[in-house]
């Protein structure tokens, strides 16, 4: 199984696309502040899922999934800030925050499914 088959990675990639699309509409002064932070946090989610999946130890996979979960929470906070500043429409907000919540739940499920003695995933 490839990391691309992991649902958390797939939803994370969709979230990256959503964030990039929304950030393009931010005011110019926010493109390199909040916009950049949001892009980085979004990119970090599927990147860490993929990197962890490619590690030889299940403990490493769990560690990278925790990084991805942290990035999802970071992004959720930034999405709320963008909404409070009226940079996101209600529809954009609902779509992006919904997908960020979904990827967080998927990562939590993956973490629960991995036991200490589990073999590493196939790279």
PDB file of N, CA and C in Angstrom:
ATOM      1  N   UNK A   1       0.845  -1.178   0.000  1.00  0.00           N
ATOM      2  CA  UNK A   1       0.000   0.000   0.000  1.00  0.00           C
ATOM      3  C   UNK A   1       0.896   1.249   0.000  1.00  0.00           C
ATOM      4  N   UNK A   2       0.578   2.174  -0.849  1.00  0.00           N
ATOM      5  CA  UNK A   2       1.310   3.434  -0.955  1.00  0.00           C
ATOM      6  C   UNK A   2       0.733   4.451   0.019  1.00  0.00           C
ATOM      7  N   UNK A   3       1.536   5.437   0.395  1.00  0.00           N
ATOM      8  CA  UNK A   3       1.026   6.529   1.227  1.00  0.00           C
ATOM      9  C   UNK A   3      -0.133   7.234   0.533  1.00  0.00           C
ATOM     10  N   UNK A   4      -0.156   7.194  -0.807  1.00  0.00           N
ATOM     11  CA  UNK A   4      -1.234   7.846  -1.556  1.00  0.00           C
ATOM     12  C   UNK A   4      -2.574   7.131  -1.400  1.00  0.00           C
ATOM     13  N   UNK A   5      -2.533   5.905  -0.870  1.00  0.00           N
ATOM     14  CA  UNK A   5      -3.764   5.152  -0.600  1.00  0.00           C
ATOM     15  C   UNK A   5      -4.343   5.470   0.774  1.00  0.00           C
ATOM     16  N   UNK A   6      -3.602   6.191   1.594  1.00  0.00           N
ATOM     17  CA  UNK A   6      -4.041   6.526   2.946  1.00  0.00           C
ATOM     18  C   UNK A   6      -5.056   7.674   2.852  1.00  0.00           C
ATOM     19  N   UNK A   7      -6.249   7.436   3.371  1.00  0.00           N
ATOM     20  CA  UNK A   7      -7.316   8.429   3.262  1.00  0.00           C
ATOM     21  C   UNK A   7      -6.935   9.759   3.909  1.00  0.00           C
ATOM     22  N   UNK A   8      -6.204   9.724   5.010  1.00  0.00           N
ATOM     23  CA  UNK A   8      -5.777  10.969   5.656  1.00  0.00           C
ATOM     24  C   UNK A   8      -4.883  11.777   4.710  1.00  0.00           C
ATOM     25  N   UNK A   9      -4.041  11.113   3.945  1.00  0.00           N
ATOM     26  CA  UNK A   9      -3.197  11.814   2.971  1.00  0.00           C
ATOM     27  C   UNK A   9      -4.070  12.426   1.874  1.00  0.00           C
ATOM     28  N   UNK A  10      -5.035  11.663   1.361  1.00  0.00           N
ATOM     29  CA  UNK A  10      -5.908  12.140   0.288  1.00  0.00           C
ATOM     30  C   UNK A  10      -6.714  13.363   0.722  1.00  0.00           C
ATOM     31  N   UNK A  11      -7.286  13.297   1.912  1.00  0.00           N
ATOM     32  CA  UNK A  11      -8.065  14.434   2.422  1.00  0.00           C
ATOM     33  C   UNK A  11      -7.132  15.610   2.703  1.00  0.00           C
ATOM     34  N   UNK A  12      -5.932  15.320   3.196  1.00  0.00           N
ATOM     35  CA  UNK A  12      -4.948  16.376   3.420  1.00  0.00           C
ATOM     36  C   UNK A  12      -4.585  17.095   2.124  1.00  0.00           C
ATOM     37  N   UNK A  13      -4.444  16.353   1.055  1.00  0.00           N
ATOM     38  CA  UNK A  13      -4.136  16.976  -0.239  1.00  0.00           C
ATOM     39  C   UNK A  13      -5.289  17.850  -0.722  1.00  0.00           C
ATOM     40  N   UNK A  14      -6.515  17.392  -0.521  1.00  0.00           N
ATOM     41  CA  UNK A  14      -7.682  18.212  -0.882  1.00  0.00           C
ATOM     42  C   UNK A  14      -7.701  19.488  -0.047  1.00  0.00           C
ATOM     43  N   UNK A  15      -7.323  19.374   1.220  1.00  0.00           N
ATOM     44  CA  UNK A  15      -7.258  20.534   2.105  1.00  0.00           C
ATOM     45  C   UNK A  15      -6.208  21.533   1.604  1.00  0.00           C
ATOM     46  N   UNK A  16      -5.071  21.041   1.155  1.00  0.00           N
ATOM     47  CA  UNK A  16      -4.035  21.923   0.593  1.00  0.00           C
ATOM     48  C   UNK A  16      -4.611  22.708  -0.583  1.00  0.00           C
ATOM     49  N   UNK A  17      -5.312  22.029  -1.468  1.00  0.00           N
ATOM     50  CA  UNK A  17      -5.902  22.713  -2.626  1.00  0.00           C
ATOM     51  C   UNK A  17      -6.910  23.777  -2.179  1.00  0.00           C
ATOM     52  N   UNK A  18      -7.736  23.440  -1.188  1.00  0.00           N
ATOM     53  CA  UNK A  18      -8.716  24.402  -0.669  1.00  0.00           C
ATOM     54  C   UNK A  18      -8.027  25.632  -0.088  1.00  0.00           C
ATOM     55  N   UNK A  19      -6.986  25.399   0.686  1.00  0.00           N
ATOM     56  CA  UNK A  19      -6.275  26.507   1.334  1.00  0.00           C
ATOM     57  C   UNK A  19      -5.613  27.391   0.276  1.00  0.00           C
ATOM     58  N   UNK A  20      -4.934  26.787  -0.681  1.00  0.00           N
ATOM     59  CA  UNK A  20      -4.283  27.581  -1.727  1.00  0.00           C
ATOM     60  C   UNK A  20      -5.297  28.442  -2.478  1.00  0.00           C
ATOM     61  N   UNK A  21      -6.443  27.863  -2.777  1.00  0.00           N
ATOM     62  CA  UNK A  21      -7.478  28.595  -3.496  1.00  0.00           C
ATOM     63  C   UNK A  21      -7.990  29.769  -2.673  1.00  0.00           C
ATOM     64  N   UNK A  22      -8.219  29.555  -1.396  1.00  0.00           N
ATOM     65  CA  UNK A  22      -8.752  30.614  -0.530  1.00  0.00           C
ATOM     66  C   UNK A  22      -7.726  31.713  -0.292  1.00  0.00           C
ATOM     67  N   UNK A  23      -6.484  31.332  -0.067  1.00  0.00           N
ATOM     68  CA  UNK A  23      -5.450  32.312   0.270  1.00  0.00           C
ATOM     69  C   UNK A  23      -5.177  33.274  -0.888  1.00  0.00           C
ATOM     70  N   UNK A  24      -5.377  32.819  -2.107  1.00  0.00           N
ATOM     71  CA  UNK A  24      -5.170  33.695  -3.274  1.00  0.00           C
ATOM     72  C   UNK A  24      -6.026  34.954  -3.203  1.00  0.00           C
ATOM     73  N   UNK A  25      -7.129  34.891  -2.468  1.00  0.00           N
ATOM     74  CA  UNK A  25      -8.059  36.027  -2.379  1.00  0.00           C
ATOM     75  C   UNK A  25      -7.774  36.928  -1.180  1.00  0.00           C
ATOM     76  N   UNK A  26      -6.778  36.590  -0.374  1.00  0.00           N
ATOM     77  CA  UNK A  26      -6.445  37.410   0.796  1.00  0.00           C
ATOM     78  C   UNK A  26      -5.887  38.752   0.343  1.00  0.00           C
ATOM     79  N   UNK A  27      -5.998  39.779   1.183  1.00  0.00           N
ATOM     80  CA  UNK A  27      -5.349  41.057   0.868  1.00  0.00           C
ATOM     81  C   UNK A  27      -3.842  40.861   0.700  1.00  0.00           C
ATOM     82  N   UNK A  28      -3.236  41.690  -0.096  1.00  0.00           N
ATOM     83  CA  UNK A  28      -1.809  41.551  -0.410  1.00  0.00           C
ATOM     84  C   UNK A  28      -0.946  41.482   0.844  1.00  0.00           C
ATOM     85  N   UNK A  29      -1.257  42.296   1.857  1.00  0.00           N
ATOM     86  CA  UNK A  29      -0.418  42.314   3.064  1.00  0.00           C
ATOM     87  C   UNK A  29      -0.525  41.026   3.875  1.00  0.00           C
ATOM     88  N   UNK A  30      -1.546  40.219   3.610  1.00  0.00           N
ATOM     89  CA  UNK A  30      -1.693  38.956   4.341  1.00  0.00           C
ATOM     90  C   UNK A  30      -1.146  37.751   3.579  1.00  0.00           C
ATOM     91  N   UNK A  31      -0.825  37.919   2.315  1.00  0.00           N
ATOM     92  CA  UNK A  31      -0.343  36.782   1.531  1.00  0.00           C
ATOM     93  C   UNK A  31       0.935  36.186   2.123  1.00  0.00           C
ATOM     94  N   UNK A  32       1.783  37.028   2.691  1.00  0.00           N
ATOM     95  CA  UNK A  32       3.067  36.548   3.198  1.00  0.00           C
ATOM     96  C   UNK A  32       3.104  36.472   4.706  1.00  0.00           C
ATOM     97  N   UNK A  33       1.963  36.633   5.346  1.00  0.00           N
ATOM     98  CA  UNK A  33       1.891  36.488   6.807  1.00  0.00           C
ATOM     99  C   UNK A  33       0.948  35.325   7.081  1.00  0.00           C
ATOM    100  N   UNK A  34      -0.319  35.618   7.270  1.00  0.00           N
ATOM    101  CA  UNK A  34      -1.285  34.560   7.563  1.00  0.00           C
ATOM    102  C   UNK A  34      -1.406  33.574   6.406  1.00  0.00           C
ATOM    103  N   UNK A  35      -1.420  34.081   5.189  1.00  0.00           N
ATOM    104  CA  UNK A  35      -1.542  33.195   4.024  1.00  0.00           C
ATOM    105  C   UNK A  35      -0.405  32.192   3.938  1.00  0.00           C
ATOM    106  N   UNK A  36       0.812  32.668   4.155  1.00  0.00           N
ATOM    107  CA  UNK A  36       1.963  31.767   4.105  1.00  0.00           C
ATOM    108  C   UNK A  36       1.901  30.741   5.230  1.00  0.00           C
ATOM    109  N   UNK A  37       1.513  31.179   6.426  1.00  0.00           N
ATOM    110  CA  UNK A  37       1.404  30.249   7.557  1.00  0.00           C
ATOM    111  C   UNK A  37       0.360  29.169   7.283  1.00  0.00           C
ATOM    112  N   UNK A  38      -0.752  29.576   6.681  1.00  0.00           N
ATOM    113  CA  UNK A  38      -1.809  28.611   6.370  1.00  0.00           C
ATOM    114  C   UNK A  38      -1.337  27.602   5.319  1.00  0.00           C
ATOM    115  N   UNK A  39      -0.641  28.094   4.302  1.00  0.00           N
ATOM    116  CA  UNK A  39      -0.129  27.168   3.277  1.00  0.00           C
ATOM    117  C   UNK A  39       0.865  26.187   3.883  1.00  0.00           C
ATOM    118  N   UNK A  40       1.762  26.685   4.731  1.00  0.00           N
ATOM    119  CA  UNK A  40       2.760  25.808   5.356  1.00  0.00           C
ATOM    120  C   UNK A  40       2.110  24.746   6.234  1.00  0.00           C
ATOM    121  N   UNK A  41       1.151  25.159   7.040  1.00  0.00           N
ATOM    122  CA  UNK A  41       0.478  24.199   7.925  1.00  0.00           C
ATOM    123  C   UNK A  41      -0.281  23.164   7.102  1.00  0.00           C
ATOM    124  N   UNK A  42      -0.968  23.617   6.054  1.00  0.00           N
ATOM    125  CA  UNK A  42      -1.722  22.689   5.206  1.00  0.00           C
ATOM    126  C   UNK A  42      -0.787  21.694   4.513  1.00  0.00           C
ATOM    127  N   UNK A  43       0.310  22.186   3.967  1.00  0.00           N
ATOM    128  CA  UNK A  43       1.274  21.317   3.285  1.00  0.00           C
ATOM    129  C   UNK A  43       1.862  20.289   4.248  1.00  0.00           C
ATOM    130  N   UNK A  44       2.063  20.695   5.466  1.00  0.00           N
ATOM    131  CA  UNK A  44       2.673  19.826   6.467  1.00  0.00           C
ATOM    132  C   UNK A  44       1.832  18.590   6.762  1.00  0.00           C
ATOM    133  N   UNK A  45       0.523  18.697   6.631  1.00  0.00           N
ATOM    134  CA  UNK A  45      -0.354  17.579   6.994  1.00  0.00           C
ATOM    135  C   UNK A  45      -0.106  16.363   6.091  1.00  0.00           C
ATOM    136  N   UNK A  46      -0.361  16.440   4.781  1.00  0.00           N
ATOM    137  CA  UNK A  46      -0.121  15.248   3.964  1.00  0.00           C
ATOM    138  C   UNK A  46       1.363  14.894   3.860  1.00  0.00           C
ATOM    139  N   UNK A  47       2.235  15.903   3.978  1.00  0.00           N
ATOM    140  CA  UNK A  47       3.674  15.623   3.910  1.00  0.00           C
ATOM    141  C   UNK A  47       4.107  14.729   5.066  1.00  0.00           C
ATOM    142  N   UNK A  48       3.623  15.019   6.268  1.00  0.00           N
ATOM    143  CA  UNK A  48       3.988  14.203   7.425  1.00  0.00           C
ATOM    144  C   UNK A  48       3.333  12.832   7.390  1.00  0.00           C
ATOM    145  N   UNK A  49       2.123  12.753   6.870  1.00  0.00           N
ATOM    146  CA  UNK A  49       1.490  11.437   6.705  1.00  0.00           C
ATOM    147  C   UNK A  49       2.347  10.589   5.757  1.00  0.00           C
ATOM    148  N   UNK A  50       2.769  11.176   4.650  1.00  0.00           N
ATOM    149  CA  UNK A  50       3.581  10.453   3.671  1.00  0.00           C
ATOM    150  C   UNK A  50       4.940  10.073   4.252  1.00  0.00           C
ATOM    151  N   UNK A  51       5.594  11.024   4.917  1.00  0.00           N
ATOM    152  CA  UNK A  51       6.922  10.732   5.460  1.00  0.00           C
ATOM    153  C   UNK A  51       6.855   9.639   6.511  1.00  0.00           C
ATOM    154  N   UNK A  52       5.875   9.732   7.393  1.00  0.00           N
ATOM    155  CA  UNK A  52       5.729   8.700   8.417  1.00  0.00           C
ATOM    156  C   UNK A  52       5.441   7.335   7.828  1.00  0.00           C
ATOM    157  N   UNK A  53       4.638   7.319   6.783  1.00  0.00           N
ATOM    158  CA  UNK A  53       4.302   6.050   6.132  1.00  0.00           C
ATOM    159  C   UNK A  53       5.544   5.389   5.549  1.00  0.00           C
ATOM    160  N   UNK A  54       6.497   6.198   5.127  1.00  0.00           N
ATOM    161  CA  UNK A  54       7.706   5.665   4.514  1.00  0.00           C
ATOM    162  C   UNK A  54       8.788   5.263   5.507  1.00  0.00           C
ATOM    163  N   UNK A  55       8.572   5.496   6.781  1.00  0.00           N
ATOM    164  CA  UNK A  55       9.573   5.130   7.797  1.00  0.00           C
ATOM    165  C   UNK A  55       9.516   3.642   8.082  1.00  0.00           C
ATOM    166  N   UNK A  56      10.606   3.102   8.594  1.00  0.00           N
ATOM    167  CA  UNK A  56      10.707   1.664   8.836  1.00  0.00           C
ATOM    168  C   UNK A  56      10.102   1.229  10.163  1.00  0.00           C
ATOM    169  N   UNK A  57       9.891   2.147  11.055  1.00  0.00           N
ATOM    170  CA  UNK A  57       9.377   1.813  12.383  1.00  0.00           C
ATOM    171  C   UNK A  57       7.976   2.380  12.565  1.00  0.00           C
ATOM    172  N   UNK A  58       7.096   1.570  13.168  1.00  0.00           N
ATOM    173  CA  UNK A  58       5.746   2.044  13.451  1.00  0.00           C
ATOM    174  C   UNK A  58       5.789   3.238  14.401  1.00  0.00           C
ATOM    175  N   UNK A  59       6.751   3.253  15.311  1.00  0.00           N
ATOM    176  CA  UNK A  59       6.878   4.386  16.237  1.00  0.00           C
ATOM    177  C   UNK A  59       7.153   5.677  15.463  1.00  0.00           C
ATOM    178  N   UNK A  60       7.949   5.596  14.404  1.00  0.00           N
ATOM    179  CA  UNK A  60       8.206   6.768  13.571  1.00  0.00           C
ATOM    180  C   UNK A  60       6.927   7.216  12.869  1.00  0.00           C
ATOM    181  N   UNK A  61       6.159   6.257  12.374  1.00  0.00           N
ATOM    182  CA  UNK A  61       4.895   6.581  11.714  1.00  0.00           C
ATOM    183  C   UNK A  61       3.984   7.324  12.691  1.00  0.00           C
ATOM    184  N   UNK A  62       3.864   6.827  13.920  1.00  0.00           N
ATOM    185  CA  UNK A  62       3.040   7.498  14.920  1.00  0.00           C
ATOM    186  C   UNK A  62       3.543   8.922  15.181  1.00  0.00           C
ATOM    187  N   UNK A  63       4.859   9.077  15.279  1.00  0.00           N
ATOM    188  CA  UNK A  63       5.432  10.397  15.546  1.00  0.00           C
ATOM    189  C   UNK A  63       5.064  11.380  14.433  1.00  0.00           C
ATOM    190  N   UNK A  64       5.206  10.960  13.182  1.00  0.00           N
ATOM    191  CA  UNK A  64       4.890  11.845  12.069  1.00  0.00           C
ATOM    192  C   UNK A  64       3.384  12.103  11.973  1.00  0.00           C
ATOM    193  N   UNK A  65       2.574  11.131  12.354  1.00  0.00           N
ATOM    194  CA  UNK A  65       1.128  11.371  12.400  1.00  0.00           C
ATOM    195  C   UNK A  65       0.785  12.408  13.462  1.00  0.00           C
ATOM    196  N   UNK A  66       1.503  12.377  14.577  1.00  0.00           N
ATOM    197  CA  UNK A  66       1.279  13.400  15.611  1.00  0.00           C
ATOM    198  C   UNK A  66       1.690  14.781  15.087  1.00  0.00           C
ATOM    199  N   UNK A  67       2.759  14.854  14.308  1.00  0.00           N
ATOM    200  CA  UNK A  67       3.138  16.130  13.693  1.00  0.00           C
ATOM    201  C   UNK A  67       2.015  16.618  12.767  1.00  0.00           C
ATOM    202  N   UNK A  68       1.481  15.692  11.964  1.00  0.00           N
ATOM    203  CA  UNK A  68       0.395  16.045  11.044  1.00  0.00           C
ATOM    204  C   UNK A  68      -0.823  16.530  11.820  1.00  0.00           C
ATOM    205  N   UNK A  69      -1.137  15.870  12.931  1.00  0.00           N
ATOM    206  CA  UNK A  69      -2.276  16.287  13.753  1.00  0.00           C
ATOM    207  C   UNK A  69      -2.036  17.689  14.311  1.00  0.00           C
ATOM    208  N   UNK A  70      -0.818  17.956  14.764  1.00  0.00           N
ATOM    209  CA  UNK A  70      -0.489  19.287  15.262  1.00  0.00           C
ATOM    210  C   UNK A  70      -0.650  20.344  14.185  1.00  0.00           C
ATOM    211  N   UNK A  71      -0.230  20.033  12.979  1.00  0.00           N
ATOM    212  CA  UNK A  71      -0.386  20.982  11.869  1.00  0.00           C
ATOM    213  C   UNK A  71      -1.856  21.214  11.546  1.00  0.00           C
ATOM    214  N   UNK A  72      -2.668  20.165  11.657  1.00  0.00           N
ATOM    215  CA  UNK A  72      -4.109  20.316  11.413  1.00  0.00           C
ATOM    216  C   UNK A  72      -4.730  21.264  12.441  1.00  0.00           C
ATOM    217  N   UNK A  73      -4.316  21.133  13.695  1.00  0.00           N
ATOM    218  CA  UNK A  73      -4.833  22.027  14.738  1.00  0.00           C
ATOM    219  C   UNK A  73      -4.335  23.455  14.539  1.00  0.00           C
ATOM    220  N   UNK A  74      -3.075  23.585  14.139  1.00  0.00           N
ATOM    221  CA  UNK A  74      -2.522  24.906  13.834  1.00  0.00           C
ATOM    222  C   UNK A  74      -3.332  25.555  12.712  1.00  0.00           C
ATOM    223  N   UNK A  75      -3.600  24.787  11.663  1.00  0.00           N
ATOM    224  CA  UNK A  75      -4.349  25.311  10.528  1.00  0.00           C
ATOM    225  C   UNK A  75      -5.770  25.693  10.939  1.00  0.00           C
ATOM    226  N   UNK A  76      -6.401  24.890  11.786  1.00  0.00           N
ATOM    227  CA  UNK A  76      -7.754  25.230  12.239  1.00  0.00           C
ATOM    228  C   UNK A  76      -7.762  26.600  12.918  1.00  0.00           C
ATOM    229  N   UNK A  77      -6.765  26.860  13.731  1.00  0.00           N
ATOM    230  CA  UNK A  77      -6.653  28.162  14.401  1.00  0.00           C
ATOM    231  C   UNK A  77      -6.500  29.279  13.371  1.00  0.00           C
ATOM    232  N   UNK A  78      -5.666  29.067  12.383  1.00  0.00           N
ATOM    233  CA  UNK A  78      -5.436  30.078  11.350  1.00  0.00           C
ATOM    234  C   UNK A  78      -6.687  30.301  10.503  1.00  0.00           C
ATOM    235  N   UNK A  79      -7.446  29.250  10.266  1.00  0.00           N
ATOM    236  CA  UNK A  79      -8.703  29.378   9.522  1.00  0.00           C
ATOM    237  C   UNK A  79      -9.675  30.264  10.304  1.00  0.00           C
ATOM    238  N   UNK A  80      -9.733  30.055  11.605  1.00  0.00           N
ATOM    239  CA  UNK A  80     -10.607  30.883  12.451  1.00  0.00           C
ATOM    240  C   UNK A  80     -10.167  32.349  12.426  1.00  0.00           C
ATOM    241  N   UNK A  81      -8.864  32.580  12.452  1.00  0.00           N
ATOM    242  CA  UNK A  81      -8.353  33.952  12.359  1.00  0.00           C
ATOM    243  C   UNK A  81      -8.755  34.566  11.022  1.00  0.00           C
ATOM    244  N   UNK A  82      -8.581  33.820   9.937  1.00  0.00           N
ATOM    245  CA  UNK A  82      -8.939  34.330   8.607  1.00  0.00           C
ATOM    246  C   UNK A  82     -10.427  34.646   8.527  1.00  0.00           C
ATOM    247  N   UNK A  83     -11.251  33.825   9.143  1.00  0.00           N
ATOM    248  CA  UNK A  83     -12.691  34.094   9.157  1.00  0.00           C
ATOM    249  C   UNK A  83     -12.985  35.354   9.974  1.00  0.00           C
ATOM    250  N   UNK A  84     -12.369  35.462  11.151  1.00  0.00           N
ATOM    251  CA  UNK A  84     -12.585  36.638  11.998  1.00  0.00           C
ATOM    252  C   UNK A  84     -12.173  37.930  11.293  1.00  0.00           C
ATOM    253  N   UNK A  85     -11.168  37.848  10.431  1.00  0.00           N
ATOM    254  CA  UNK A  85     -10.707  39.020   9.684  1.00  0.00           C
ATOM    255  C   UNK A  85     -11.482  39.212   8.377  1.00  0.00           C
ATOM    256  N   UNK A  86     -12.486  38.371   8.162  1.00  0.00           N
ATOM    257  CA  UNK A  86     -13.347  38.427   6.967  1.00  0.00           C
ATOM    258  C   UNK A  86     -12.569  38.176   5.677  1.00  0.00           C
ATOM    259  N   UNK A  87     -11.522  37.350   5.746  1.00  0.00           N
ATOM    260  CA  UNK A  87     -10.773  36.967   4.548  1.00  0.00           C
ATOM    261  C   UNK A  87     -11.395  35.760   3.857  1.00  0.00           C
ATOM    262  N   UNK A  88     -12.267  35.042   4.570  1.00  0.00           N
ATOM    263  CA  UNK A  88     -12.928  33.859   4.029  1.00  0.00           C
ATOM    264  C   UNK A  88     -14.433  34.090   4.010  1.00  0.00           C
ATOM    265  N   UNK A  89     -15.068  33.677   2.937  1.00  0.00           N
ATOM    266  CA  UNK A  89     -16.531  33.697   2.914  1.00  0.00           C
ATOM    267  C   UNK A  89     -17.021  32.597   3.857  1.00  0.00           C
ATOM    268  N   UNK A  90     -18.274  32.651   4.189  1.00  0.00           N
ATOM    269  CA  UNK A  90     -18.855  31.621   5.055  1.00  0.00           C
ATOM    270  C   UNK A  90     -18.723  30.241   4.412  1.00  0.00           C
ATOM    271  N   UNK A  91     -18.946  30.171   3.120  1.00  0.00           N
ATOM    272  CA  UNK A  91     -18.839  28.893   2.404  1.00  0.00           C
ATOM    273  C   UNK A  91     -17.394  28.384   2.408  1.00  0.00           C
ATOM    274  N   UNK A  92     -16.431  29.269   2.136  1.00  0.00           N
ATOM    275  CA  UNK A  92     -15.023  28.860   2.176  1.00  0.00           C
ATOM    276  C   UNK A  92     -14.648  28.376   3.572  1.00  0.00           C
ATOM    277  N   UNK A  93     -15.081  29.135   4.569  1.00  0.00           N
ATOM    278  CA  UNK A  93     -14.795  28.750   5.950  1.00  0.00           C
ATOM    279  C   UNK A  93     -15.342  27.367   6.248  1.00  0.00           C
ATOM    280  N   UNK A  94     -16.609  27.133   5.939  1.00  0.00           N
ATOM    281  CA  UNK A  94     -17.244  25.843   6.241  1.00  0.00           C
ATOM    282  C   UNK A  94     -16.535  24.696   5.512  1.00  0.00           C
ATOM    283  N   UNK A  95     -16.179  24.925   4.267  1.00  0.00           N
ATOM    284  CA  UNK A  95     -15.482  23.887   3.492  1.00  0.00           C
ATOM    285  C   UNK A  95     -14.119  23.575   4.093  1.00  0.00           C
ATOM    286  N   UNK A  96     -13.340  24.609   4.351  1.00  0.00           N
ATOM    287  CA  UNK A  96     -11.964  24.405   4.809  1.00  0.00           C
ATOM    288  C   UNK A  96     -11.930  23.877   6.242  1.00  0.00           C
ATOM    289  N   UNK A  97     -12.728  24.457   7.127  1.00  0.00           N
ATOM    290  CA  UNK A  97     -12.706  23.987   8.514  1.00  0.00           C
ATOM    291  C   UNK A  97     -13.268  22.568   8.588  1.00  0.00           C
ATOM    292  N   UNK A  98     -14.259  22.269   7.755  1.00  0.00           N
ATOM    293  CA  UNK A  98     -14.807  20.907   7.722  1.00  0.00           C
ATOM    294  C   UNK A  98     -13.771  19.896   7.282  1.00  0.00           C
ATOM    295  N   UNK A  99     -13.014  20.251   6.258  1.00  0.00           N
ATOM    296  CA  UNK A  99     -11.984  19.326   5.776  1.00  0.00           C
ATOM    297  C   UNK A  99     -10.842  19.213   6.783  1.00  0.00           C
ATOM    298  N   UNK A 100     -10.492  20.309   7.445  1.00  0.00           N
ATOM    299  CA  UNK A 100      -9.448  20.259   8.477  1.00  0.00           C
ATOM    300  C   UNK A 100      -9.892  19.373   9.648  1.00  0.00           C
ATOM    301  N   UNK A 101     -11.149  19.480  10.026  1.00  0.00           N
ATOM    302  CA  UNK A 101     -11.676  18.610  11.086  1.00  0.00           C
ATOM    303  C   UNK A 101     -11.659  17.149  10.646  1.00  0.00           C
ATOM    304  N   UNK A 102     -12.051  16.917   9.400  1.00  0.00           N
ATOM    305  CA  UNK A 102     -12.072  15.550   8.876  1.00  0.00           C
ATOM    306  C   UNK A 102     -10.675  14.932   8.883  1.00  0.00           C
ATOM    307  N   UNK A 103      -9.683  15.669   8.403  1.00  0.00           N
ATOM    308  CA  UNK A 103      -8.330  15.112   8.373  1.00  0.00           C
ATOM    309  C   UNK A 103      -7.828  14.859   9.790  1.00  0.00           C
ATOM    310  N   UNK A 104      -8.199  15.711  10.727  1.00  0.00           N
ATOM    311  CA  UNK A 104      -7.824  15.477  12.120  1.00  0.00           C
ATOM    312  C   UNK A 104      -8.414  14.181  12.662  1.00  0.00           C
ATOM    313  N   UNK A 105      -9.686  13.947  12.363  1.00  0.00           N
ATOM    314  CA  UNK A 105     -10.333  12.694  12.802  1.00  0.00           C
ATOM    315  C   UNK A 105      -9.670  11.473  12.160  1.00  0.00           C
ATOM    316  N   UNK A 106      -9.347  11.594  10.885  1.00  0.00           N
ATOM    317  CA  UNK A 106      -8.692  10.475  10.189  1.00  0.00           C
ATOM    318  C   UNK A 106      -7.318  10.180  10.785  1.00  0.00           C
ATOM    319  N   UNK A 107      -6.576  11.210  11.086  1.00  0.00           N
ATOM    320  CA  UNK A 107      -5.253  11.020  11.704  1.00  0.00           C
ATOM    321  C   UNK A 107      -5.406  10.392  13.080  1.00  0.00           C
ATOM    322  N   UNK A 108      -6.373  10.864  13.857  1.00  0.00           N
ATOM    323  CA  UNK A 108      -6.613  10.262  15.175  1.00  0.00           C
ATOM    324  C   UNK A 108      -6.959   8.781  15.047  1.00  0.00           C
ATOM    325  N   UNK A 109      -7.762   8.438  14.052  1.00  0.00           N
ATOM    326  CA  UNK A 109      -8.100   7.039  13.820  1.00  0.00           C
ATOM    327  C   UNK A 109      -6.878   6.205  13.457  1.00  0.00           C
ATOM    328  N   UNK A 110      -6.021   6.763  12.620  1.00  0.00           N
ATOM    329  CA  UNK A 110      -4.779   6.063  12.269  1.00  0.00           C
ATOM    330  C   UNK A 110      -3.911   5.851  13.505  1.00  0.00           C
ATOM    331  N   UNK A 111      -3.805   6.871  14.320  1.00  0.00           N
ATOM    332  CA  UNK A 111      -2.996   6.750  15.544  1.00  0.00           C
ATOM    333  C   UNK A 111      -3.553   5.666  16.467  1.00  0.00           C
ATOM    334  N   UNK A 112      -4.873   5.635  16.619  1.00  0.00           N
ATOM    335  CA  UNK A 112      -5.484   4.604  17.470  1.00  0.00           C
ATOM    336  C   UNK A 112      -5.274   3.208  16.909  1.00  0.00           C
ATOM    337  N   UNK A 113      -5.219   3.105  15.575  1.00  0.00           N
ATOM    338  CA  UNK A 113      -5.096   1.790  14.950  1.00  0.00           C
ATOM    339  C   UNK A 113      -3.677   1.229  15.030  1.00  0.00           C
ATOM    340  N   UNK A 114      -2.697   2.083  15.239  1.00  0.00           N
ATOM    341  CA  UNK A 114      -1.303   1.641  15.300  1.00  0.00           C
ATOM    342  C   UNK A 114      -0.943   1.261  16.732  1.00  0.00           C
ATOM    343  N   UNK A 115      -0.584   0.051  16.932  1.00  0.00           N
ATOM    344  CA  UNK A 115      -0.182  -0.431  18.248  1.00  0.00           C
ATOM    345  C   UNK A 115       1.343  -0.425  18.331  1.00  0.00           C
ATOM    346  N   UNK A 116       1.856  -0.461  19.527  1.00  0.00           N
ATOM    347  CA  UNK A 116       3.299  -0.397  19.756  1.00  0.00           C
ATOM    348  C   UNK A 116       4.055  -1.468  18.968  1.00  0.00           C
ATOM    349  N   UNK A 117       3.510  -2.652  18.857  1.00  0.00           N
ATOM    350  CA  UNK A 117       4.230  -3.743  18.210  1.00  0.00           C
ATOM    351  C   UNK A 117       3.834  -3.950  16.752  1.00  0.00           C
ATOM    352  N   UNK A 118       3.098  -3.031  16.209  1.00  0.00           N
ATOM    353  CA  UNK A 118       2.714  -3.158  14.810  1.00  0.00           C
ATOM    354  C   UNK A 118       3.953  -3.083  13.919  1.00  0.00           C
ATOM    355  N   UNK A 119       3.949  -3.836  12.832  1.00  0.00           N
ATOM    356  CA  UNK A 119       5.053  -3.708  11.878  1.00  0.00           C
ATOM    357  C   UNK A 119       4.918  -2.378  11.140  1.00  0.00           C
ATOM    358  N   UNK A 120       5.995  -1.869  10.604  1.00  0.00           N
ATOM    359  CA  UNK A 120       5.913  -0.620   9.846  1.00  0.00           C
ATOM    360  C   UNK A 120       5.083  -0.830   8.586  1.00  0.00           C
ATOM    361  N   UNK A 121       4.506   0.247   8.039  1.00  0.00           N
ATOM    362  CA  UNK A 121       3.749   0.117   6.798  1.00  0.00           C
ATOM    363  C   UNK A 121       4.690  -0.209   5.642  1.00  0.00           C
ATOM    364  N   UNK A 122       4.129  -0.797   4.604  1.00  0.00           N
ATOM    365  CA  UNK A 122       4.918  -1.048   3.399  1.00  0.00           C
ATOM    366  C   UNK A 122       5.176   0.285   2.710  1.00  0.00           C
ATOM    367  N   UNK A 123       6.437   0.595   2.390  1.00  0.00           N
ATOM    368  CA  UNK A 123       6.722   1.875   1.705  1.00  0.00           C
ATOM    369  C   UNK A 123       6.218   1.889   0.290  1.00  0.00           C
TER     370      UNK A 123
END
